[in-house]
């Protein structure tokens, strides 16, 4: 390794402050990290049973069921009978739920772009140059957080909602 390692405590503080700021659009819609994570998973994977969603969120089925009750009351998800099993039901996003996800994503990108634009050119260039290293660092945490099974406050799933990567 050449040169001293960056100050890990300083980087952690900055990353936490960024993560908090990036959650602002979701917060304005009343979406906690766990609610947002549920919507993201349903948006990406489509209709699923409560038990499958609970597994993805790494929570107990009763917790996932309560979470879905709150999202259904808000009009973001709906329950339908499972055509393959009359005893079960599937949960999916409503049109409002899909719209909220897109709004959160768009607002997050717009806000971040505005903050980036307010930086001096040299700092914008430094952020751009640091992106590959920051992405590699985030990837190094993936085995620990196991996204999307981890809660969105710490998972790559929240990053995808707030500022998706352009492939």
Foldseek 3Di string as FASTA:
>chain_A
DPDDDPDPVVVVVVVLVVLVVLCVLVVVVVHDLQLLLLLLCLVVPPKDFLVVSCQQQVHDSVVSVVSVVVCVVVVQKDWDQDPVDNVTIIIHGDPVNVVSLQSSQVVLVVVVVVVLVPDPPVVNVVVVVCVVVVVVVLVVCCVVQVPPNYGRSNDCSSVCSRYNDDD
